Protein backbone atom coordinates (compact mmCIF):
# COMPACT_ATOMS: atom_id res chain seq x y z
CA UNK A 1 -160.45 -133.69 -72.37
CA UNK A 2 -161.22 -137.27 -72.53
CA UNK A 3 -164.71 -138.56 -73.45
CA UNK A 4 -165.95 -140.16 -69.70
CA UNK A 5 -164.38 -136.40 -68.24
CA UNK A 6 -166.90 -134.52 -70.81
CA UNK A 7 -169.61 -136.43 -70.08
CA UNK A 8 -168.85 -136.06 -66.43
CA UNK A 9 -168.74 -132.59 -66.77
CA UNK A 10 -171.67 -132.35 -68.99
CA UNK A 11 -173.84 -134.62 -66.42
CA UNK A 12 -173.31 -131.94 -63.55
CA UNK A 13 -174.13 -128.85 -65.47
CA UNK A 14 -177.52 -130.33 -67.05
CA UNK A 15 -177.94 -131.49 -63.30
CA UNK A 16 -177.58 -127.88 -61.86
CA UNK A 17 -179.43 -126.47 -65.12
CA UNK A 18 -182.12 -127.82 -64.32
CA UNK A 19 -182.33 -128.16 -60.68
CA UNK A 20 -181.57 -124.09 -60.55
CA UNK A 21 -183.69 -122.79 -63.43
CA UNK A 22 -186.87 -124.79 -61.76
CA UNK A 23 -186.04 -123.24 -58.45
CA UNK A 24 -185.24 -119.97 -59.58
CA UNK A 25 -188.85 -120.06 -61.72
CA UNK A 26 -190.59 -121.49 -59.19
CA UNK A 27 -189.86 -118.71 -56.24
CA UNK A 28 -189.63 -115.88 -58.69
CA UNK A 29 -192.94 -116.76 -60.62
CA UNK A 30 -191.28 -117.14 -64.09
CA UNK A 31 -193.64 -120.38 -65.53
CA UNK A 32 -191.25 -120.85 -68.53
CA UNK A 33 -188.02 -121.36 -66.93
CA UNK A 34 -190.11 -123.40 -64.07
CA UNK A 35 -190.96 -125.49 -66.42
CA UNK A 36 -187.70 -125.83 -68.46
CA UNK A 37 -186.22 -126.55 -65.16
CA UNK A 38 -188.17 -128.97 -64.25
CA UNK A 39 -188.45 -130.44 -67.37
CA UNK A 40 -184.47 -131.14 -67.03
CA UNK A 41 -184.45 -132.28 -63.74
CA UNK A 42 -187.49 -135.05 -64.37
CA UNK A 43 -185.74 -135.80 -67.55
CA UNK A 44 -181.63 -136.27 -65.55
CA UNK A 45 -184.10 -138.59 -62.99
CA UNK A 46 -185.45 -140.79 -66.00
CA UNK A 47 -182.05 -141.34 -67.44
CA UNK A 48 -180.77 -142.35 -64.13
CA UNK A 49 -183.56 -144.66 -63.49
CA UNK A 50 -183.15 -146.26 -66.80
CA UNK A 51 -179.29 -146.25 -66.16
CA UNK A 52 -179.84 -148.02 -63.12
CA UNK A 53 -178.19 -145.09 -61.11
CA UNK A 54 -181.89 -144.42 -59.10
CA UNK A 55 -184.10 -146.61 -57.81
CA UNK A 56 -187.35 -145.63 -59.28
CA UNK A 57 -189.41 -147.21 -56.69
CA UNK A 58 -189.08 -143.96 -53.62
CA UNK A 59 -189.01 -141.10 -56.70
CA UNK A 60 -192.12 -142.42 -58.55
CA UNK A 61 -194.44 -142.88 -55.21
CA UNK A 62 -193.13 -139.12 -53.89
CA UNK A 63 -194.19 -137.91 -57.35
CA UNK A 64 -197.53 -139.42 -57.43
CA UNK A 65 -198.07 -137.79 -53.51
CA UNK A 66 -196.61 -134.36 -54.64
CA UNK A 67 -198.62 -134.61 -57.59
CA UNK A 68 -201.86 -134.62 -55.35
CA UNK A 69 -200.44 -132.09 -53.23
CA UNK A 70 -199.81 -129.13 -55.63
CA UNK A 71 -201.44 -127.44 -58.32
CA UNK A 72 -200.84 -127.79 -61.06
CA UNK A 73 -199.82 -131.80 -60.85
CA UNK A 74 -196.78 -131.12 -62.95
CA UNK A 75 -195.03 -128.95 -60.24
CA UNK A 76 -195.31 -131.90 -57.71
CA UNK A 77 -193.54 -133.98 -59.89
CA UNK A 78 -191.13 -131.63 -60.49
CA UNK A 79 -190.39 -130.75 -56.50
CA UNK A 80 -190.01 -134.70 -56.35
CA UNK A 81 -187.16 -134.65 -58.54
CA UNK A 82 -185.54 -131.46 -57.18
CA UNK A 83 -185.88 -133.08 -53.65
CA UNK A 84 -182.99 -135.82 -54.15
CA UNK A 85 -181.43 -132.71 -57.11
CA UNK A 86 -181.22 -130.40 -54.01
CA UNK A 87 -179.20 -133.56 -52.04
CA UNK A 88 -176.55 -134.37 -54.94
CA UNK A 89 -175.16 -130.95 -55.20
CA UNK A 90 -171.72 -131.15 -54.08
CA UNK A 91 -171.56 -134.45 -56.22
CA UNK A 92 -172.85 -132.11 -59.53
CA UNK A 93 -170.49 -129.44 -58.46
CA UNK A 94 -167.51 -132.66 -58.21
CA UNK A 95 -168.46 -133.37 -62.01
CA UNK A 96 -167.91 -130.23 -63.31
CA UNK A 97 -164.73 -129.48 -61.34
CA UNK A 98 -163.44 -132.47 -60.40
CA UNK A 99 -163.86 -135.03 -63.07
CA UNK A 100 -160.62 -136.59 -63.23
CA UNK A 101 -160.62 -136.74 -59.29
CA UNK A 102 -163.81 -138.73 -60.11
CA UNK A 103 -163.19 -140.92 -62.19
CA UNK A 104 -159.88 -141.62 -60.31
CA UNK A 105 -162.14 -143.01 -57.30
CA UNK A 106 -164.32 -144.99 -59.49
CA UNK A 107 -161.51 -146.86 -61.12
CA UNK A 108 -159.88 -147.43 -57.40
CA UNK A 109 -163.30 -148.96 -56.16
CA UNK A 110 -163.73 -150.94 -59.66
CA UNK A 111 -160.58 -152.97 -58.30
CA UNK A 112 -161.66 -153.85 -55.27
CA UNK A 113 -165.01 -155.68 -56.22
């Protein structure tokens, strides 16, 4: 495998692991699993913000609002990040199972920029 393919597969696994760990931990009442998954989801969002993939304004505002609503506050932050990750589940699966196709599409789009 080429290096970009490994990065895509790892990123997809990272996103889904964090998402499913948080959701399973939250709904099953397993605090350690919820914290592990929530930290992974937030870390992935922070990485995407610094890479310029994710615009920080709405996620940060949503995190602040949900931190006020949920107790403890960090569960609200985790839910704010999870909301975006749920919408990205199909993309995460594409990164894992069709990374070559995804790279091909990105290269095709770059030619027309």
